[in-house]
Amino acid sequence: MDAGNLLQQLEAQLALLQQVLLTLQDPHRGDDSVAITDEHPETLQLCIQLEQIFSHGLKSAFFGGRKEAFEFVQTCLGPQQECYPVVPLRTQTGRFRGFLRRALTAGRLAEYIQHCCMKERVVKEFYRSGSILVEKPMRAHLMDLLYTLSTLPFHLPNDLKHIDLDKAWPASRPTTLDIQPNIIDESDSDIDDMNESASTSEHERESNDAVAATQATDMPSLTEASPTSVTNDMLALIKQQKQQMQAQIDQLHATIHTKDNELQAALEMIKHLQADHDDNVVHAQKPTVTEFEEQKQALEQQTPELQTQIE
């Protein structure tokens, strides 16, 4: 799939997840302890899109096939990381899926990928030219989406028995209530009591519905304004977190620039010291003026003797 379409789909999926979070939160109670889980079908679609994005443009492997996204992440982050799957997985594909789930749950996916993208040599070793992670404009767009995604709460465990990430992503599981059937003694007296109870419950339900309808008519509509307020607060929080993350990235780049300057200065100093050392060696090997004079006098003393021998 085209890289631009992949990013557009991720952006659209991010908007859907934000709507899911709004529906989970209770604006009247201010409950923000909810999380997006496998029970939401949007989660499955998000994971599939992320896998497609990080598989886009992978180079061919030396022994056939293609390089793996998890191998790229492991090369950049190191062999031991808390974001790696805690359950044993047989394939690199399964391990990368486990990495995505743990990183989303920790809210650090953007941080991990930003660290990987800073290693340009490794990026170009694994990805072809034109891929999302190689082309800087597309990479910047992706990082904006990932930092926004990192503000959403996820709870995606990897250690559940029904999950086999080596084979496929876990399908969404709608919430169901585990209701155990009641064992009823079908005696005539029990049946009469049940009929009477059902009749009473029916009357109570009709009465409650009438009261609820009256209250709904008299009560001012609060829910219509609530989503807008929650959306504005959420957007403000996302903007603030994004600014904080960008400030951290800028500080990191400044630190790298400073260290690079210090390294260049150290290299220049080494070159000067090496040049001074070479000059000292050359001077030590050159004969001095005094040595030339002594050699001249010795030759002058030998000249009469040589001339006598010639005669």
C-alpha atoms as a PDB file:
ATOM      1  CA  MET A   1       0.000   0.000   0.000  1.00  0.00           C
ATOM      2  CA  ASP A   2       1.127   3.552  -0.692  1.00  0.00           C
ATOM      3  CA  ALA A   3       2.909   5.276   2.200  1.00  0.00           C
ATOM      4  CA  GLY A   4       0.637   8.323   2.041  1.00  0.00           C
ATOM      5  CA  ASN A   5      -2.482   6.153   2.289  1.00  0.00           C
ATOM      6  CA  LEU A   6      -1.044   4.318   5.287  1.00  0.00           C
ATOM      7  CA  LEU A   7      -0.501   7.572   7.154  1.00  0.00           C
ATOM      8  CA  GLN A   8      -3.973   8.853   6.238  1.00  0.00           C
ATOM      9  CA  GLN A   9      -5.551   5.645   7.520  1.00  0.00           C
ATOM     10  CA  LEU A  10      -3.598   5.909  10.771  1.00  0.00           C
ATOM     11  CA  GLU A  11      -4.731   9.513  11.200  1.00  0.00           C
ATOM     12  CA  ALA A  12      -8.373   8.519  10.637  1.00  0.00           C
ATOM     13  CA  GLN A  13      -8.040   5.593  13.059  1.00  0.00           C
ATOM     14  CA  LEU A  14      -6.574   7.911  15.683  1.00  0.00           C
ATOM     15  CA  ALA A  15      -9.657  10.140  15.425  1.00  0.00           C
ATOM     16  CA  LEU A  16     -11.907   7.082  15.893  1.00  0.00           C
ATOM     17  CA  LEU A  17      -9.967   6.034  19.001  1.00  0.00           C
ATOM     18  CA  GLN A  18     -10.363   9.493  20.474  1.00  0.00           C
ATOM     19  CA  GLN A  19     -14.125   9.184  19.970  1.00  0.00           C
ATOM     20  CA  VAL A  20     -14.055   5.753  21.612  1.00  0.00           C
ATOM     21  CA  LEU A  21     -12.301   7.231  24.623  1.00  0.00           C
ATOM     22  CA  LEU A  22     -14.917   9.984  24.866  1.00  0.00           C
ATOM     23  CA  THR A  23     -17.699   7.439  24.938  1.00  0.00           C
ATOM     24  CA  LEU A  24     -15.906   5.474  27.671  1.00  0.00           C
ATOM     25  CA  GLN A  25     -15.436   8.474  29.924  1.00  0.00           C
ATOM     26  CA  ASP A  26     -18.272   9.746  32.080  1.00  0.00           C
ATOM     27  CA  PRO A  27     -18.287  13.562  31.748  1.00  0.00           C
ATOM     28  CA  HIS A  28     -20.488  13.956  34.859  1.00  0.00           C
ATOM     29  CA  ARG A  29     -18.207  11.973  37.161  1.00  0.00           C
ATOM     30  CA  GLY A  30     -14.934  13.042  35.578  1.00  0.00           C
ATOM     31  CA  ASP A  31     -13.802   9.417  35.418  1.00  0.00           C
ATOM     32  CA  ASP A  32     -10.549   9.199  33.426  1.00  0.00           C
ATOM     33  CA  SER A  33      -9.467   5.753  34.625  1.00  0.00           C
ATOM     34  CA  VAL A  34     -10.823   3.986  31.538  1.00  0.00           C
ATOM     35  CA  ALA A  35      -8.599   2.415  28.886  1.00  0.00           C
ATOM     36  CA  ILE A  36      -8.910   1.152  25.328  1.00  0.00           C
ATOM     37  CA  THR A  37      -8.710  -2.666  25.247  1.00  0.00           C
ATOM     38  CA  ASP A  38      -9.063  -5.637  22.904  1.00  0.00           C
ATOM     39  CA  GLU A  39     -12.827  -5.388  23.324  1.00  0.00           C
ATOM     40  CA  HIS A  40     -12.889  -2.447  20.919  1.00  0.00           C
ATOM     41  CA  PRO A  41     -12.662  -3.332  17.211  1.00  0.00           C
ATOM     42  CA  GLU A  42     -10.762  -0.090  16.600  1.00  0.00           C
ATOM     43  CA  THR A  43      -7.830  -1.578  18.559  1.00  0.00           C
ATOM     44  CA  LEU A  44      -7.407  -4.461  16.120  1.00  0.00           C
ATOM     45  CA  GLN A  45      -7.494  -2.097  13.134  1.00  0.00           C
ATOM     46  CA  LEU A  46      -4.912   0.197  14.772  1.00  0.00           C
ATOM     47  CA  CYS A  47      -2.498  -2.677  15.429  1.00  0.00           C
ATOM     48  CA  ILE A  48      -2.806  -3.911  11.846  1.00  0.00           C
ATOM     49  CA  GLN A  49      -2.096  -0.414  10.496  1.00  0.00           C
ATOM     50  CA  LEU A  50       0.951   0.037  12.734  1.00  0.00           C
ATOM     51  CA  GLU A  51       2.351  -3.300  11.599  1.00  0.00           C
ATOM     52  CA  GLN A  52       1.859  -2.287   7.951  1.00  0.00           C
ATOM     53  CA  ILE A  53       3.583   1.065   8.508  1.00  0.00           C
ATOM     54  CA  PHE A  54       6.680  -0.421  10.148  1.00  0.00           C
ATOM     55  CA  SER A  55       6.827  -3.179   7.526  1.00  0.00           C
ATOM     56  CA  HIS A  56       6.644  -0.651   4.683  1.00  0.00           C
ATOM     57  CA  GLY A  57       9.899  -0.528   2.700  1.00  0.00           C
ATOM     58  CA  LEU A  58      11.822  -3.213   4.612  1.00  0.00           C
ATOM     59  CA  LYS A  59      14.825  -4.420   2.633  1.00  0.00           C
ATOM     60  CA  SER A  60      15.415  -7.982   1.515  1.00  0.00           C
ATOM     61  CA  ALA A  61      17.298 -10.218   3.911  1.00  0.00           C
ATOM     62  CA  PHE A  62      20.645 -11.778   2.959  1.00  0.00           C
ATOM     63  CA  PHE A  63      19.298 -15.352   2.946  1.00  0.00           C
ATOM     64  CA  GLY A  64      16.021 -14.515   1.220  1.00  0.00           C
ATOM     65  CA  GLY A  65      12.767 -13.020   2.408  1.00  0.00           C
ATOM     66  CA  ARG A  66      12.939  -9.601   3.973  1.00  0.00           C
ATOM     67  CA  LYS A  67      14.293  -8.012   7.116  1.00  0.00           C
ATOM     68  CA  GLU A  68      12.061  -7.888  10.197  1.00  0.00           C
ATOM     69  CA  ALA A  69      10.714  -4.817  11.995  1.00  0.00           C
ATOM     70  CA  PHE A  70      11.424  -6.338  15.420  1.00  0.00           C
ATOM     71  CA  GLU A  71      15.044  -6.928  14.424  1.00  0.00           C
ATOM     72  CA  PHE A  72      15.259  -3.220  13.540  1.00  0.00           C
ATOM     73  CA  VAL A  73      13.800  -2.202  16.920  1.00  0.00           C
ATOM     74  CA  GLN A  74      16.060  -4.599  18.812  1.00  0.00           C
ATOM     75  CA  THR A  75      19.145  -3.316  16.960  1.00  0.00           C
ATOM     76  CA  CYS A  76      18.296   0.263  17.951  1.00  0.00           C
ATOM     77  CA  LEU A  77      17.096  -0.282  21.531  1.00  0.00           C
ATOM     78  CA  GLY A  78      19.341  -3.166  22.558  1.00  0.00           C
ATOM     79  CA  PRO A  79      18.610  -6.802  23.437  1.00  0.00           C
ATOM     80  CA  GLN A  80      17.065  -6.218  26.877  1.00  0.00           C
ATOM     81  CA  GLN A  81      14.156  -3.792  27.113  1.00  0.00           C
ATOM     82  CA  GLU A  82      11.046  -3.639  29.279  1.00  0.00           C
ATOM     83  CA  CYS A  83       8.975  -3.023  26.151  1.00  0.00           C
ATOM     84  CA  TYR A  84       9.706  -6.462  24.715  1.00  0.00           C
ATOM     85  CA  PRO A  85       7.115  -9.259  25.083  1.00  0.00           C
ATOM     86  CA  VAL A  86       7.123 -11.079  28.409  1.00  0.00           C
ATOM     87  CA  VAL A  87       5.811 -14.341  26.930  1.00  0.00           C
ATOM     88  CA  PRO A  88       7.965 -16.572  24.693  1.00  0.00           C
ATOM     89  CA  LEU A  89       7.146 -16.090  21.012  1.00  0.00           C
ATOM     90  CA  ARG A  90       8.543 -18.156  18.158  1.00  0.00           C
ATOM     91  CA  THR A  91       8.580 -15.634  15.311  1.00  0.00           C
ATOM     92  CA  GLN A  92       9.941 -12.134  14.791  1.00  0.00           C
ATOM     93  CA  THR A  93       6.464 -11.088  13.635  1.00  0.00           C
ATOM     94  CA  GLY A  94       4.939 -12.231  16.919  1.00  0.00           C
ATOM     95  CA  ARG A  95       7.650 -10.477  18.935  1.00  0.00           C
ATOM     96  CA  PHE A  96       7.070  -7.209  17.072  1.00  0.00           C
ATOM     97  CA  ARG A  97       3.328  -7.446  17.731  1.00  0.00           C
ATOM     98  CA  GLY A  98       4.066  -7.993  21.397  1.00  0.00           C
ATOM     99  CA  PHE A  99       6.371  -4.975  21.366  1.00  0.00           C
ATOM    100  CA  LEU A 100       3.632  -2.775  19.863  1.00  0.00           C
ATOM    101  CA  ARG A 101       1.092  -3.894  22.475  1.00  0.00           C
ATOM    102  CA  ARG A 102       3.439  -3.280  25.411  1.00  0.00           C
ATOM    103  CA  ALA A 103       4.583   0.081  24.041  1.00  0.00           C
ATOM    104  CA  LEU A 104       0.981   1.221  23.530  1.00  0.00           C
ATOM    105  CA  THR A 105       0.046   0.129  27.046  1.00  0.00           C
ATOM    106  CA  ALA A 106       3.038   1.989  28.497  1.00  0.00           C
ATOM    107  CA  GLY A 107       2.293   5.086  26.377  1.00  0.00           C
ATOM    108  CA  ARG A 108       5.891   5.095  25.077  1.00  0.00           C
ATOM    109  CA  LEU A 109       5.601   3.930  21.466  1.00  0.00           C
ATOM    110  CA  ALA A 110       6.501   7.371  20.090  1.00  0.00           C
ATOM    111  CA  GLU A 111       9.492   7.592  22.438  1.00  0.00           C
ATOM    112  CA  TYR A 112      10.862   4.214  21.338  1.00  0.00           C
ATOM    113  CA  ILE A 113      10.410   4.906  17.613  1.00  0.00           C
ATOM    114  CA  GLN A 114      11.930   8.397  17.957  1.00  0.00           C
ATOM    115  CA  HIS A 115      15.017   6.819  19.520  1.00  0.00           C
ATOM    116  CA  CYS A 116      15.227   4.304  16.661  1.00  0.00           C
ATOM    117  CA  CYS A 117      14.869   6.987  13.978  1.00  0.00           C
ATOM    118  CA  MET A 118      17.785   8.937  15.424  1.00  0.00           C
ATOM    119  CA  LYS A 119      20.081   6.105  14.283  1.00  0.00           C
ATOM    120  CA  GLU A 120      20.099   6.972  10.582  1.00  0.00           C
ATOM    121  CA  ARG A 121      22.617   4.292   9.654  1.00  0.00           C
ATOM    122  CA  VAL A 122      20.467   1.535  11.123  1.00  0.00           C
ATOM    123  CA  VAL A 123      17.309   2.957   9.530  1.00  0.00           C
ATOM    124  CA  LYS A 124      18.909   2.892   6.066  1.00  0.00           C
ATOM    125  CA  GLU A 125      20.302  -0.564   6.750  1.00  0.00           C
ATOM    126  CA  PHE A 126      16.793  -1.974   7.228  1.00  0.00           C
ATOM    127  CA  TYR A 127      14.570   0.260   5.056  1.00  0.00           C
ATOM    128  CA  ARG A 128      14.687   1.193   1.383  1.00  0.00           C
ATOM    129  CA  SER A 129      14.616   4.707   0.003  1.00  0.00           C
ATOM    130  CA  GLY A 130      11.031   5.961  -0.228  1.00  0.00           C
ATOM    131  CA  SER A 131       9.824   4.173   2.909  1.00  0.00           C
ATOM    132  CA  ILE A 132       8.047   6.046   5.683  1.00  0.00           C
ATOM    133  CA  LEU A 133      10.943   5.818   8.150  1.00  0.00           C
ATOM    134  CA  VAL A 134      13.569   6.917   5.608  1.00  0.00           C
ATOM    135  CA  GLU A 135      11.809   9.924   4.043  1.00  0.00           C
ATOM    136  CA  LYS A 136      11.963  12.708   6.634  1.00  0.00           C
ATOM    137  CA  PRO A 137       8.653  14.489   5.794  1.00  0.00           C
ATOM    138  CA  MET A 138       6.686  11.247   6.128  1.00  0.00           C
ATOM    139  CA  ARG A 139       8.666  10.297   9.219  1.00  0.00           C
ATOM    140  CA  ALA A 140       7.831  13.640  10.842  1.00  0.00           C
ATOM    141  CA  HIS A 141       4.130  13.125  10.055  1.00  0.00           C
ATOM    142  CA  LEU A 142       4.283   9.642  11.553  1.00  0.00           C
ATOM    143  CA  MET A 143       5.962  10.882  14.725  1.00  0.00           C
ATOM    144  CA  ASP A 144       3.253  13.542  15.213  1.00  0.00           C
ATOM    145  CA  LEU A 145       0.609  10.819  14.999  1.00  0.00           C
ATOM    146  CA  LEU A 146       2.518   8.506  17.345  1.00  0.00           C
ATOM    147  CA  TYR A 147       2.979  11.207  19.983  1.00  0.00           C
ATOM    148  CA  THR A 148      -0.757  11.919  19.859  1.00  0.00           C
ATOM    149  CA  LEU A 149      -1.429   8.183  20.054  1.00  0.00           C
ATOM    150  CA  SER A 150       0.800   7.921  23.129  1.00  0.00           C
ATOM    151  CA  THR A 151      -1.590  10.190  25.034  1.00  0.00           C
ATOM    152  CA  LEU A 152      -4.424   7.646  24.749  1.00  0.00           C
ATOM    153  CA  PRO A 153      -4.706   5.035  27.533  1.00  0.00           C
ATOM    154  CA  PHE A 154      -4.393   1.418  26.380  1.00  0.00           C
ATOM    155  CA  HIS A 155      -4.540  -1.862  28.262  1.00  0.00           C
ATOM    156  CA  LEU A 156      -3.326  -4.632  25.954  1.00  0.00           C
ATOM    157  CA  PRO A 157      -1.809  -7.543  27.932  1.00  0.00           C
ATOM    158  CA  ASN A 158       0.372 -10.137  26.194  1.00  0.00           C
ATOM    159  CA  ASP A 159       0.166 -12.965  28.710  1.00  0.00           C
ATOM    160  CA  LEU A 160      -3.412 -14.084  28.098  1.00  0.00           C
ATOM    161  CA  LYS A 161      -4.076 -17.668  27.013  1.00  0.00           C
ATOM    162  CA  HIS A 162      -6.329 -16.689  24.113  1.00  0.00           C
ATOM    163  CA  ILE A 163      -3.587 -14.581  22.481  1.00  0.00           C
ATOM    164  CA  ASP A 164      -1.201 -16.179  19.969  1.00  0.00           C
ATOM    165  CA  LEU A 165       0.641 -13.286  18.369  1.00  0.00           C
ATOM    166  CA  ASP A 166       2.746 -15.635  16.254  1.00  0.00           C
ATOM    167  CA  LYS A 167      -0.386 -16.514  14.257  1.00  0.00           C
ATOM    168  CA  ALA A 168      -2.452 -13.325  14.231  1.00  0.00           C
ATOM    169  CA  TRP A 169      -3.541 -10.251  16.129  1.00  0.00           C
ATOM    170  CA  PRO A 170      -6.189 -10.983  18.789  1.00  0.00           C
ATOM    171  CA  ALA A 171      -9.686 -10.343  17.463  1.00  0.00           C
ATOM    172  CA  SER A 172     -11.913  -7.914  19.320  1.00  0.00           C
ATOM    173  CA  ARG A 173     -13.900  -9.570  22.085  1.00  0.00           C
ATOM    174  CA  PRO A 174     -17.187  -7.862  22.934  1.00  0.00           C
ATOM    175  CA  THR A 175     -17.983  -7.606  26.598  1.00  0.00           C
ATOM    176  CA  THR A 176     -20.421 -10.243  27.796  1.00  0.00           C
ATOM    177  CA  LEU A 177     -21.996 -10.788  31.184  1.00  0.00           C
ATOM    178  CA  ASP A 178     -21.439 -14.216  32.718  1.00  0.00           C
ATOM    179  CA  ILE A 179     -24.937 -14.985  33.973  1.00  0.00           C
ATOM    180  CA  GLN A 180     -25.553 -18.391  35.512  1.00  0.00           C
ATOM    181  CA  PRO A 181     -29.068 -19.822  34.912  1.00  0.00           C
ATOM    182  CA  ASN A 182     -31.233 -20.250  37.987  1.00  0.00           C
ATOM    183  CA  ILE A 183     -32.518 -23.728  38.775  1.00  0.00           C
ATOM    184  CA  ILE A 184     -36.301 -23.416  39.281  1.00  0.00           C
ATOM    185  CA  ASP A 185     -38.452 -25.822  41.201  1.00  0.00           C
ATOM    186  CA  GLU A 186     -41.470 -26.114  38.927  1.00  0.00           C
ATOM    187  CA  SER A 187     -44.087 -26.546  41.596  1.00  0.00           C
ATOM    188  CA  ASP A 188     -47.488 -24.890  41.246  1.00  0.00           C
ATOM    189  CA  SER A 189     -46.889 -22.552  44.185  1.00  0.00           C
ATOM    190  CA  ASP A 190     -43.534 -21.384  42.789  1.00  0.00           C
ATOM    191  CA  ILE A 191     -45.066 -20.764  39.374  1.00  0.00           C
ATOM    192  CA  ASP A 192     -47.855 -18.674  40.909  1.00  0.00           C
ATOM    193  CA  ASP A 193     -45.295 -16.648  42.873  1.00  0.00           C
ATOM    194  CA  MET A 194     -43.311 -16.059  39.704  1.00  0.00           C
ATOM    195  CA  ASN A 195     -46.377 -14.917  37.783  1.00  0.00           C
ATOM    196  CA  GLU A 196     -47.333 -12.534  40.563  1.00  0.00           C
ATOM    197  CA  SER A 197     -43.786 -11.182  40.789  1.00  0.00           C
ATOM    198  CA  ALA A 198     -43.629 -10.716  37.025  1.00  0.00           C
ATOM    199  CA  SER A 199     -46.941  -8.834  37.040  1.00  0.00           C
ATOM    200  CA  THR A 200     -45.744  -6.588  39.871  1.00  0.00           C
ATOM    201  CA  SER A 201     -42.436  -5.951  38.088  1.00  0.00           C
ATOM    202  CA  GLU A 202     -44.285  -5.056  34.885  1.00  0.00           C
ATOM    203  CA  HIS A 203     -46.383  -2.442  36.699  1.00  0.00           C
ATOM    204  CA  GLU A 204     -43.302  -1.037  38.440  1.00  0.00           C
ATOM    205  CA  ARG A 205     -41.433  -0.833  35.140  1.00  0.00           C
ATOM    206  CA  GLU A 206     -44.291   1.042  33.467  1.00  0.00           C
ATOM    207  CA  SER A 207     -44.440   3.442  36.394  1.00  0.00           C
ATOM    208  CA  ASN A 208     -40.677   4.020  36.335  1.00  0.00           C
ATOM    209  CA  ASP A 209     -40.747   4.618  32.567  1.00  0.00           C
ATOM    210  CA  ALA A 210     -43.440   7.250  33.012  1.00  0.00           C
ATOM    211  CA  VAL A 211     -41.453   9.023  35.732  1.00  0.00           C
ATOM    212  CA  ALA A 212     -38.294   8.888  33.655  1.00  0.00           C
ATOM    213  CA  ALA A 213     -40.105  10.367  30.664  1.00  0.00           C
ATOM    214  CA  THR A 214     -41.423  13.246  32.812  1.00  0.00           C
ATOM    215  CA  GLN A 215     -37.949  13.930  34.227  1.00  0.00           C
ATOM    216  CA  ALA A 216     -36.402  13.821  30.765  1.00  0.00           C
ATOM    217  CA  THR A 217     -38.905  16.436  29.561  1.00  0.00           C
ATOM    218  CA  ASP A 218     -38.275  18.786  32.480  1.00  0.00           C
ATOM    219  CA  MET A 219     -34.520  18.269  32.774  1.00  0.00           C
ATOM    220  CA  PRO A 220     -32.314  20.624  30.723  1.00  0.00           C
ATOM    221  CA  SER A 221     -30.105  18.888  28.168  1.00  0.00           C
ATOM    222  CA  LEU A 222     -26.601  18.639  29.640  1.00  0.00           C
ATOM    223  CA  THR A 223     -25.205  15.850  27.558  1.00  0.00           C
ATOM    224  CA  GLU A 224     -25.243  17.833  24.326  1.00  0.00           C
ATOM    225  CA  ALA A 225     -22.705  20.299  25.672  1.00  0.00           C
ATOM    226  CA  SER A 226     -20.611  17.746  27.538  1.00  0.00           C
ATOM    227  CA  PRO A 227     -18.805  16.095  24.594  1.00  0.00           C
ATOM    228  CA  THR A 228     -17.625  19.461  23.294  1.00  0.00           C
ATOM    229  CA  SER A 229     -16.230  20.412  26.677  1.00  0.00           C
ATOM    230  CA  VAL A 230     -14.501  17.063  27.088  1.00  0.00           C
ATOM    231  CA  THR A 231     -13.093  17.264  23.560  1.00  0.00           C
ATOM    232  CA  ASN A 232     -11.630  20.724  24.169  1.00  0.00           C
ATOM    233  CA  ASP A 233     -10.049  19.614  27.443  1.00  0.00           C
ATOM    234  CA  MET A 234      -8.616  16.519  25.786  1.00  0.00           C
ATOM    235  CA  LEU A 235      -7.211  18.469  22.839  1.00  0.00           C
ATOM    236  CA  ALA A 236      -5.610  20.959  25.237  1.00  0.00           C
ATOM    237  CA  LEU A 237      -4.032  18.100  27.197  1.00  0.00           C
ATOM    238  CA  ILE A 238      -2.745  16.465  24.009  1.00  0.00           C
ATOM    239  CA  LYS A 239      -1.289  19.791  22.830  1.00  0.00           C
ATOM    240  CA  GLN A 240       0.433  20.350  26.170  1.00  0.00           C
ATOM    241  CA  GLN A 241       1.941  16.860  26.230  1.00  0.00           C
ATOM    242  CA  LYS A 242       3.087  17.214  22.631  1.00  0.00           C
ATOM    243  CA  GLN A 243       4.807  20.515  23.464  1.00  0.00           C
ATOM    244  CA  GLN A 244       6.550  18.910  26.438  1.00  0.00           C
ATOM    245  CA  MET A 245       7.747  15.995  24.306  1.00  0.00           C
ATOM    246  CA  GLN A 246       8.956  18.362  21.588  1.00  0.00           C
ATOM    247  CA  ALA A 247      10.878  20.356  24.203  1.00  0.00           C
ATOM    248  CA  GLN A 248      12.551  17.144  25.384  1.00  0.00           C
ATOM    249  CA  ILE A 249      13.467  16.255  21.801  1.00  0.00           C
ATOM    250  CA  ASP A 250      14.917  19.746  21.202  1.00  0.00           C
ATOM    251  CA  GLN A 251      16.955  19.476  24.383  1.00  0.00           C
ATOM    252  CA  LEU A 252      18.251  16.079  23.302  1.00  0.00           C
ATOM    253  CA  HIS A 253      19.276  17.438  19.889  1.00  0.00           C
ATOM    254  CA  ALA A 254      21.050  20.366  21.595  1.00  0.00           C
ATOM    255  CA  THR A 255      22.938  17.960  23.849  1.00  0.00           C
ATOM    256  CA  ILE A 256      23.981  15.866  20.853  1.00  0.00           C
ATOM    257  CA  HIS A 257      25.171  19.015  19.040  1.00  0.00           C
ATOM    258  CA  THR A 258      27.215  20.081  22.074  1.00  0.00           C
ATOM    259  CA  LYS A 259      28.805  16.650  22.415  1.00  0.00           C
ATOM    260  CA  ASP A 260      29.596  16.637  18.709  1.00  0.00           C
ATOM    261  CA  ASN A 261      31.391  19.997  19.013  1.00  0.00           C
ATOM    262  CA  GLU A 262      33.364  18.699  21.993  1.00  0.00           C
ATOM    263  CA  LEU A 263      34.348  15.630  20.009  1.00  0.00           C
ATOM    264  CA  GLN A 264      35.508  17.735  17.059  1.00  0.00           C
ATOM    265  CA  ALA A 265      37.563  19.938  19.395  1.00  0.00           C
ATOM    266  CA  ALA A 266      39.156  16.851  20.949  1.00  0.00           C
ATOM    267  CA  LEU A 267      40.042  15.506  17.509  1.00  0.00           C
ATOM    268  CA  GLU A 268      41.663  18.825  16.529  1.00  0.00           C
ATOM    269  CA  MET A 269      43.703  18.816  19.733  1.00  0.00           C
ATOM    270  CA  ILE A 270      44.878  15.269  18.992  1.00  0.00           C
ATOM    271  CA  LYS A 271      45.955  16.350  15.492  1.00  0.00           C
ATOM    272  CA  HIS A 272      47.969  19.300  16.892  1.00  0.00           C
ATOM    273  CA  LEU A 273      49.648  17.097  19.482  1.00  0.00           C
ATOM    274  CA  GLN A 274      50.512  14.557  16.811  1.00  0.00           C
ATOM    275  CA  ALA A 275      51.972  17.296  14.592  1.00  0.00           C
ATOM    276  CA  ASP A 276      54.084  18.650  17.484  1.00  0.00           C
ATOM    277  CA  HIS A 277      55.327  15.153  18.231  1.00  0.00           C
ATOM    278  CA  ASP A 278      56.327  14.597  14.585  1.00  0.00           C
ATOM    279  CA  ASP A 279      58.199  17.932  14.507  1.00  0.00           C
ATOM    280  CA  ASN A 280      60.148  17.004  17.648  1.00  0.00           C
ATOM    281  CA  VAL A 281      61.154  13.681  16.114  1.00  0.00           C
ATOM    282  CA  VAL A 282      62.387  15.375  12.911  1.00  0.00           C
ATOM    283  CA  HIS A 283      64.389  17.949  14.839  1.00  0.00           C
ATOM    284  CA  ALA A 284      65.956  15.231  16.939  1.00  0.00           C
ATOM    285  CA  GLN A 285      67.097  13.383  13.827  1.00  0.00           C
ATOM    286  CA  LYS A 286      68.621  16.450  12.067  1.00  0.00           C
ATOM    287  CA  PRO A 287      72.320  17.133  12.775  1.00  0.00           C
ATOM    288  CA  THR A 288      73.126  20.379  14.543  1.00  0.00           C
ATOM    289  CA  VAL A 289      75.515  23.150  13.346  1.00  0.00           C
ATOM    290  CA  THR A 290      78.147  22.048  15.849  1.00  0.00           C
ATOM    291  CA  GLU A 291      78.150  18.554  14.398  1.00  0.00           C
ATOM    292  CA  PHE A 292      78.709  19.992  10.890  1.00  0.00           C
ATOM    293  CA  GLU A 293      81.714  22.042  12.125  1.00  0.00           C
ATOM    294  CA  GLU A 294      83.304  19.025  13.811  1.00  0.00           C
ATOM    295  CA  GLN A 295      82.917  16.978  10.632  1.00  0.00           C
ATOM    296  CA  LYS A 296      84.496  19.844   8.590  1.00  0.00           C
ATOM    297  CA  GLN A 297      87.523  20.066  10.913  1.00  0.00           C
ATOM    298  CA  ALA A 298      88.029  16.310  10.719  1.00  0.00           C
ATOM    299  CA  LEU A 299      87.996  16.456   6.931  1.00  0.00           C
ATOM    300  CA  GLU A 300      90.485  19.359   6.909  1.00  0.00           C
ATOM    301  CA  GLN A 301      92.860  17.371   9.112  1.00  0.00           C
ATOM    302  CA  GLN A 302      92.610  14.382   6.809  1.00  0.00           C
ATOM    303  CA  THR A 303      93.256  16.450   3.627  1.00  0.00           C
ATOM    304  CA  PRO A 304      97.112  16.897   4.038  1.00  0.00           C
ATOM    305  CA  GLU A 305      97.529  13.220   4.828  1.00  0.00           C
ATOM    306  CA  LEU A 306      95.556  12.219   1.716  1.00  0.00           C
ATOM    307  CA  GLN A 307      97.576  14.655  -0.428  1.00  0.00           C
ATOM    308  CA  THR A 308     100.893  13.219   0.869  1.00  0.00           C
ATOM    309  CA  GLN A 309      99.757   9.726   0.090  1.00  0.00           C
ATOM    310  CA  ILE A 310      98.849  10.829  -3.473  1.00  0.00           C
ATOM    311  CA  GLU A 311     102.267  12.398  -4.068  1.00  0.00           C
END
